[in-house]
Amino acid sequence: MGVQLTKLVHGREIELEELAGKRIAIDALNWIYQFISTIRQPDGEPLKDSAGNITSHLSGLFYRTMKLLETGIKPIYVFDGKPPQWKGKTQEQRRDVRLEAMREWKKALEEGDMESARKYAQRSTTVTGEILQESRELLAALGVAVVQAPNEGEALCSVIVQRRDASAVATQDYDSLLFGAPQLVRNLSITGKRKRGSSYVVVHPELITLKHVLEQLSITREQLIILSMLVGTDYNPGGIAGYGPKKSLELVKKKKSLEKVLEEVSWTFETPAEDIFGFFLHPEDADYSIAFSAVDEAAVKKLLVGTHDFSEERVDSALSKVQAVKGKDQKSLDSWFH
């Protein structure tokens, strides 16, 4: 879910090719959840193989990763570890939302309302341990880097970019800015021609730079964190009643510090504001290794075609495009493995 800063934070559209040759740290869970939510049948059912196993995540990860590799982008997928203890309330709320959405989905199907059925189906999305394990298996076979975070994947993504081991964080959420990521790329998982209602639109990646955001808002990163806490984060869902992005910005500019802001509002959340502030300001570092390898075509096809009934022709086509790009420039191919 993440903090809602759309009304305040704006980047610039870029072409996918502008990221060629760059390492991008990807919030793996964010993308997997998005793929399962959006890659569905008209009635809301996710893609499944002949045995009834969900394959939406594999389809999304495979074809999107192939597109990134074809463009020359080097993906680093970062997976979540154990969430902070104070995220429990958010997780509980999300479970309730999913259960209610599941009930509404079934009701819409019974009434023959396919548009509502698909909408509620997307809200009922659940990412299981099996889905995460299969995702890791596929990414390993594709030869891209896979990193395990100690807690929030987005936090470690931000650390990786801060340490210049990657150029930007790729996620739909804005939390990485709070964690201090110098650059954020949104829409990287959905770039290209997309259907919106009865027509099609072209979605471009959006590059957001922390420095420019702070300059535009005339605040510090510390104040951006406070602003976000007023609006509501995953660790204090809902935020402070009556405080949207603009009103929160006004208060932060006026009071400047967390201590002064807390004198003006009633903080009723179980987790102390200071703990949430500190968690964003000083994301936990971790030992990590970023390693790329050659695509293991046999392993990819065994998982996708052999186990989950993917079209061998389509899988071969996607793999051949990546190999063709690498074959054009042996120097680029050599650098890929270093």
Protein backbone atom coordinates (compact mmCIF):
# COMPACT_ATOMS: atom_id res chain seq x y z
CA MET A 1 0.00 0.00 0.00
CA GLY A 2 2.65 2.51 1.05
CA VAL A 3 2.30 6.18 1.80
CA GLN A 4 -0.01 8.16 -0.50
CA LEU A 5 1.98 11.13 -1.85
CA THR A 6 0.65 11.27 -5.41
CA LYS A 7 -0.77 14.79 -4.95
CA LEU A 8 2.59 16.16 -3.85
CA VAL A 9 5.30 14.12 -5.54
CA HIS A 10 5.85 14.40 -9.28
CA GLY A 11 8.61 13.07 -11.48
CA ARG A 12 9.21 13.07 -15.20
CA GLU A 13 8.33 10.53 -17.83
CA ILE A 14 11.29 8.77 -19.39
CA GLU A 15 11.76 6.20 -22.11
CA LEU A 16 12.61 2.69 -21.02
CA GLU A 17 15.78 2.85 -23.08
CA GLU A 18 17.14 5.62 -20.84
CA LEU A 19 17.69 2.96 -18.18
CA ALA A 20 19.77 0.72 -20.47
CA GLY A 21 22.98 -0.43 -18.83
CA LYS A 22 21.78 0.52 -15.35
CA ARG A 23 21.18 -1.67 -12.32
CA ILE A 24 17.69 -1.23 -10.89
CA ALA A 25 16.76 -2.47 -7.39
CA ILE A 26 13.23 -3.89 -7.61
CA ASP A 27 10.83 -4.28 -4.70
CA ALA A 28 9.99 -7.91 -5.56
CA LEU A 29 6.85 -8.27 -3.42
CA ASN A 30 5.42 -5.04 -4.82
CA TRP A 31 5.77 -6.33 -8.37
CA ILE A 32 4.57 -9.86 -7.62
CA TYR A 33 1.47 -8.53 -5.87
CA GLN A 34 0.81 -6.23 -8.81
CA PHE A 35 1.14 -9.05 -11.35
CA ILE A 36 -1.25 -11.32 -9.46
CA SER A 37 -3.72 -8.45 -9.05
CA THR A 38 -3.77 -7.34 -12.67
CA ILE A 39 -3.04 -10.42 -14.77
CA ARG A 40 -6.48 -11.99 -14.59
CA GLN A 41 -9.30 -13.39 -16.68
CA PRO A 42 -12.39 -11.23 -17.43
CA ASP A 43 -14.23 -12.81 -14.47
CA GLY A 44 -11.39 -11.95 -12.10
CA GLU A 45 -9.77 -15.38 -11.94
CA PRO A 46 -5.96 -15.26 -12.02
CA LEU A 47 -4.13 -17.18 -14.71
CA LYS A 48 -3.83 -20.86 -13.82
CA ASP A 49 -2.27 -23.97 -15.30
CA SER A 50 -4.13 -27.21 -16.05
CA ALA A 51 -3.68 -28.32 -12.43
CA GLY A 52 -5.29 -25.17 -11.05
CA ASN A 53 -2.06 -23.54 -9.86
CA ILE A 54 -1.86 -19.75 -10.11
CA THR A 55 0.64 -18.58 -12.74
CA SER A 56 -0.06 -14.82 -12.99
CA HIS A 57 3.11 -14.01 -11.04
CA LEU A 58 5.26 -16.21 -13.27
CA SER A 59 3.81 -14.69 -16.41
CA GLY A 60 4.36 -11.15 -15.16
CA LEU A 61 7.86 -11.77 -13.86
CA PHE A 62 9.01 -13.67 -16.93
CA TYR A 63 7.82 -11.35 -19.67
CA ARG A 64 8.62 -8.15 -17.77
CA THR A 65 12.11 -9.36 -16.81
CA MET A 66 12.72 -10.44 -20.40
CA LYS A 67 11.74 -6.95 -21.55
CA LEU A 68 14.15 -5.37 -19.08
CA LEU A 69 16.99 -7.67 -20.13
CA GLU A 70 16.22 -7.07 -23.80
CA THR A 71 16.52 -3.32 -23.12
CA GLY A 72 19.85 -3.82 -21.35
CA ILE A 73 18.57 -3.15 -17.82
CA LYS A 74 20.11 -5.19 -14.99
CA PRO A 75 17.37 -6.08 -12.46
CA ILE A 76 18.12 -6.73 -8.79
CA TYR A 77 15.06 -8.28 -7.16
CA VAL A 78 14.92 -7.66 -3.41
CA PHE A 79 12.60 -9.85 -1.33
CA ASP A 80 11.02 -8.92 2.00
CA GLY A 81 12.21 -10.44 5.24
CA LYS A 82 10.32 -10.39 8.53
CA PRO A 83 8.16 -7.24 8.73
CA PRO A 84 8.56 -4.86 11.67
CA GLN A 85 6.46 -5.83 14.66
CA TRP A 86 4.44 -2.64 14.43
CA LYS A 87 3.21 -3.49 10.92
CA GLY A 88 0.76 -5.97 12.42
CA LYS A 89 -2.19 -3.57 12.33
CA THR A 90 -1.70 -2.92 8.62
CA GLN A 91 -1.47 -6.64 7.87
CA GLU A 92 -4.64 -7.26 9.86
CA GLN A 93 -6.50 -4.55 7.96
CA ARG A 94 -5.31 -5.95 4.65
CA ARG A 95 -6.57 -9.43 5.57
CA ASP A 96 -9.98 -7.95 6.38
CA VAL A 97 -10.04 -6.09 3.06
CA ARG A 98 -9.14 -9.26 1.16
CA LEU A 99 -11.84 -11.31 2.88
CA GLU A 100 -14.50 -8.68 2.19
CA ALA A 101 -13.34 -8.39 -1.42
CA MET A 102 -13.56 -12.16 -1.80
CA ARG A 103 -17.19 -12.10 -0.63
CA GLU A 104 -18.03 -9.25 -2.99
CA TRP A 105 -16.27 -11.04 -5.86
CA LYS A 106 -18.40 -14.15 -5.43
CA LYS A 107 -21.55 -12.02 -5.16
CA ALA A 108 -20.71 -10.14 -8.37
CA LEU A 109 -20.11 -13.43 -10.20
CA GLU A 110 -23.51 -14.72 -9.08
CA GLU A 111 -25.12 -11.53 -10.37
CA GLY A 112 -23.22 -11.72 -13.67
CA ASP A 113 -21.49 -8.37 -13.09
CA MET A 114 -18.10 -9.12 -14.64
CA GLU A 115 -16.76 -5.57 -14.29
CA SER A 116 -17.35 -5.55 -10.52
CA ALA A 117 -16.17 -9.15 -10.25
CA ARG A 118 -12.78 -8.28 -11.72
CA LYS A 119 -12.47 -5.19 -9.50
CA TYR A 120 -13.17 -7.12 -6.29
CA ALA A 121 -11.02 -10.05 -7.43
CA GLN A 122 -8.01 -7.73 -7.71
CA ARG A 123 -8.58 -6.52 -4.14
CA SER A 124 -8.66 -10.12 -2.87
CA THR A 125 -5.08 -10.84 -3.97
CA THR A 126 -2.95 -12.96 -1.65
CA VAL A 127 0.74 -13.75 -2.09
CA THR A 128 1.61 -17.16 -0.63
CA GLY A 129 4.92 -18.68 0.34
CA GLU A 130 4.69 -21.01 -2.64
CA ILE A 131 4.25 -18.05 -5.00
CA LEU A 132 7.32 -16.35 -3.53
CA GLN A 133 9.41 -19.51 -3.79
CA GLU A 134 8.45 -20.08 -7.42
CA SER A 135 9.24 -16.44 -8.16
CA ARG A 136 12.72 -16.86 -6.69
CA GLU A 137 13.23 -20.05 -8.70
CA LEU A 138 12.27 -18.36 -11.95
CA LEU A 139 14.42 -15.30 -11.34
CA ALA A 140 17.42 -17.47 -10.48
CA ALA A 141 16.95 -19.36 -13.75
CA LEU A 142 16.81 -16.04 -15.60
CA GLY A 143 20.22 -15.16 -14.20
CA VAL A 144 19.19 -11.92 -12.53
CA ALA A 145 20.28 -10.88 -9.03
CA VAL A 146 18.10 -11.93 -6.09
CA VAL A 147 18.69 -10.37 -2.67
CA GLN A 148 17.08 -11.12 0.71
CA ALA A 149 16.24 -8.14 2.93
CA PRO A 150 16.28 -8.39 6.75
CA ASN A 151 12.85 -6.73 6.90
CA GLU A 152 11.21 -4.47 4.31
CA GLY A 153 12.51 -5.10 0.79
CA GLU A 154 11.93 -1.47 -0.15
CA ALA A 155 14.17 -0.34 2.69
CA LEU A 156 17.09 -2.47 1.48
CA CYS A 157 16.43 -1.36 -2.11
CA SER A 158 16.94 2.19 -0.89
CA VAL A 159 20.18 1.27 0.89
CA ILE A 160 21.46 -0.45 -2.26
CA VAL A 161 20.84 2.71 -4.28
CA GLN A 162 22.33 4.93 -1.56
CA ARG A 163 25.48 2.81 -1.73
CA ARG A 164 25.49 3.22 -5.53
CA ASP A 165 25.14 -0.50 -6.15
CA ALA A 166 22.08 0.38 -8.24
CA SER A 167 20.81 3.52 -9.95
CA ALA A 168 17.21 3.59 -8.73
CA VAL A 169 14.52 1.73 -6.81
CA ALA A 170 11.67 0.33 -8.91
CA THR A 171 8.33 0.18 -7.08
CA GLN A 172 4.90 1.78 -7.27
CA ASP A 173 5.13 3.02 -3.68
CA TYR A 174 6.79 6.22 -2.50
CA ASP A 175 8.25 4.74 0.70
CA SER A 176 11.72 4.40 -0.81
CA LEU A 177 11.98 8.20 -0.82
CA LEU A 178 11.40 8.17 2.94
CA PHE A 179 14.09 5.50 3.29
CA GLY A 180 16.45 7.85 1.46
CA ALA A 181 16.61 6.41 -2.05
CA PRO A 182 18.10 9.12 -4.31
CA GLN A 183 15.99 7.93 -7.27
CA LEU A 184 12.69 6.10 -7.68
CA VAL A 185 11.24 4.67 -10.88
CA ARG A 186 7.50 4.05 -11.00
CA ASN A 187 5.56 2.19 -13.71
CA LEU A 188 8.57 0.08 -14.71
CA SER A 189 6.49 -3.07 -14.25
CA ILE A 190 3.67 -1.82 -16.50
CA THR A 191 5.56 0.18 -19.14
CA GLY A 192 4.13 -0.13 -22.63
CA LYS A 193 0.72 -0.27 -24.30
CA ARG A 194 -2.02 -0.90 -21.74
CA LYS A 195 -5.79 -1.14 -22.03
CA ARG A 196 -7.74 1.46 -20.08
CA GLY A 197 -11.47 0.91 -20.38
CA SER A 198 -12.31 0.63 -24.06
CA SER A 199 -9.12 2.29 -25.32
CA TYR A 200 -5.37 1.87 -25.05
CA VAL A 201 -2.75 4.17 -23.54
CA VAL A 202 1.03 4.08 -23.54
CA VAL A 203 2.49 3.97 -20.01
CA HIS A 204 5.98 5.37 -19.55
CA PRO A 205 8.32 4.93 -16.59
CA GLU A 206 8.30 7.88 -14.20
CA LEU A 207 11.62 8.93 -12.71
CA ILE A 208 11.41 10.69 -9.34
CA THR A 209 14.50 12.22 -7.74
CA LEU A 210 14.50 12.75 -3.97
CA LYS A 211 16.57 15.93 -4.24
CA HIS A 212 14.08 17.50 -6.64
CA VAL A 213 11.10 16.46 -4.50
CA LEU A 214 12.58 18.11 -1.43
CA GLU A 215 13.43 21.24 -3.40
CA GLN A 216 9.95 21.46 -4.89
CA LEU A 217 8.30 21.09 -1.49
CA SER A 218 10.93 23.21 0.30
CA ILE A 219 11.37 20.64 3.06
CA THR A 220 14.03 18.22 4.30
CA ARG A 221 13.93 14.43 4.09
CA GLU A 222 13.19 14.36 7.84
CA GLN A 223 10.19 16.59 7.24
CA LEU A 224 9.06 14.41 4.33
CA ILE A 225 8.99 11.47 6.74
CA ILE A 226 6.95 13.47 9.28
CA LEU A 227 4.55 14.60 6.54
CA SER A 228 4.06 10.99 5.47
CA MET A 229 3.40 9.88 9.05
CA LEU A 230 0.63 12.48 9.26
CA VAL A 231 -0.89 11.20 6.02
CA GLY A 232 -0.46 7.56 7.10
CA THR A 233 2.14 4.87 6.50
CA ASP A 234 2.10 1.08 6.70
CA TYR A 235 3.12 1.49 10.34
CA ASN A 236 0.38 3.97 11.33
CA PRO A 237 -2.38 3.23 8.78
CA GLY A 238 -4.90 5.99 8.21
CA GLY A 239 -2.64 8.68 9.60
CA ILE A 240 -3.95 11.60 11.63
CA ALA A 241 -7.65 12.32 11.07
CA GLY A 242 -8.19 15.38 8.92
CA TYR A 243 -4.63 15.52 7.61
CA GLY A 244 -4.19 14.97 3.90
CA PRO A 245 -0.98 15.65 1.99
CA LYS A 246 -1.44 19.42 1.58
CA LYS A 247 -2.49 20.13 5.15
CA SER A 248 0.32 17.92 6.44
CA LEU A 249 2.82 19.84 4.31
CA GLU A 250 1.62 23.12 5.78
CA LEU A 251 1.98 21.84 9.34
CA VAL A 252 5.44 20.41 8.74
CA LYS A 253 6.67 23.65 7.20
CA LYS A 254 5.28 25.60 10.14
CA LYS A 255 6.47 23.36 12.98
CA LYS A 256 9.54 21.87 11.25
CA SER A 257 10.40 19.10 13.77
CA LEU A 258 8.67 15.89 14.86
CA GLU A 259 8.62 17.09 18.44
CA LYS A 260 6.81 20.32 17.52
CA VAL A 261 4.39 18.57 15.16
CA LEU A 262 3.39 16.10 17.87
CA GLU A 263 2.45 19.03 20.08
CA GLU A 264 -0.20 19.95 17.51
CA VAL A 265 -1.77 16.54 16.81
CA SER A 266 -3.06 13.61 18.81
CA TRP A 267 -0.89 10.53 18.20
CA THR A 268 -3.13 7.57 19.13
CA PHE A 269 -1.21 4.75 17.46
CA GLU A 270 0.34 1.92 19.47
CA THR A 271 3.75 2.45 17.92
CA PRO A 272 5.53 5.59 19.13
CA ALA A 273 5.99 8.18 16.40
CA GLU A 274 9.70 8.33 17.20
CA ASP A 275 10.11 4.62 16.37
CA ILE A 276 8.46 4.96 12.95
CA PHE A 277 10.46 8.11 12.22
CA GLY A 278 13.71 6.36 13.12
CA PHE A 279 12.86 3.30 11.05
CA PHE A 280 12.49 5.42 7.93
CA LEU A 281 15.43 7.71 8.66
CA HIS A 282 17.90 4.89 9.36
CA PRO A 283 16.87 1.80 7.33
CA GLU A 284 18.63 -1.35 8.45
CA ASP A 285 21.69 -2.19 6.39
CA ALA A 286 22.48 -5.80 5.56
CA ASP A 287 25.16 -7.90 4.00
CA TYR A 288 24.09 -8.64 0.46
CA SER A 289 25.66 -10.01 -2.68
CA ILE A 290 24.63 -8.87 -6.14
CA ALA A 291 25.41 -11.57 -8.67
CA PHE A 292 24.27 -12.06 -12.26
CA SER A 293 24.65 -15.17 -14.37
CA ALA A 294 23.70 -16.53 -17.79
CA VAL A 295 20.08 -17.45 -18.44
CA ASP A 296 19.50 -21.15 -17.77
CA GLU A 297 17.07 -21.79 -20.61
CA ALA A 298 16.51 -25.43 -19.65
CA ALA A 299 15.53 -24.48 -16.09
CA VAL A 300 13.25 -21.69 -17.33
CA LYS A 301 11.44 -24.00 -19.72
CA LYS A 302 11.20 -26.79 -17.17
CA LEU A 303 9.39 -24.49 -14.74
CA LEU A 304 7.22 -22.56 -17.18
CA VAL A 305 6.52 -25.06 -19.95
CA GLY A 306 6.97 -28.40 -18.21
CA THR A 307 5.36 -27.59 -14.86
CA HIS A 308 2.93 -24.77 -15.65
CA ASP A 309 1.82 -25.26 -19.26
CA PHE A 310 3.25 -22.04 -20.71
CA SER A 311 3.47 -21.87 -24.50
CA GLU A 312 6.89 -23.18 -25.46
CA GLU A 313 6.82 -21.07 -28.61
CA ARG A 314 6.22 -17.84 -26.67
CA VAL A 315 8.86 -18.69 -24.07
CA ASP A 316 11.40 -19.52 -26.78
CA SER A 317 10.57 -16.26 -28.55
CA ALA A 318 11.18 -14.18 -25.43
CA LEU A 319 14.44 -15.99 -24.65
CA SER A 320 15.70 -15.63 -28.20
CA LYS A 321 15.20 -11.84 -28.15
CA VAL A 322 17.43 -11.50 -25.11
CA GLN A 323 20.10 -13.75 -26.59
CA ALA A 324 19.97 -11.79 -29.85
CA VAL A 325 20.55 -8.50 -28.04
CA LYS A 326 23.49 -9.92 -26.10
CA GLY A 327 24.93 -11.47 -29.22
CA LYS A 328 25.12 -8.08 -30.95
CA ASP A 329 27.60 -6.72 -28.45
CA GLN A 330 30.00 -9.17 -26.84
CA LYS A 331 31.53 -6.39 -24.77
CA SER A 332 28.15 -5.67 -23.20
CA LEU A 333 27.68 -9.38 -22.63
CA ASP A 334 31.00 -9.62 -20.84
CA SER A 335 30.16 -6.66 -18.60
CA TRP A 336 26.85 -8.27 -17.70
CA PHE A 337 28.62 -10.86 -15.57
CA HIS A 338 30.70 -8.36 -13.59
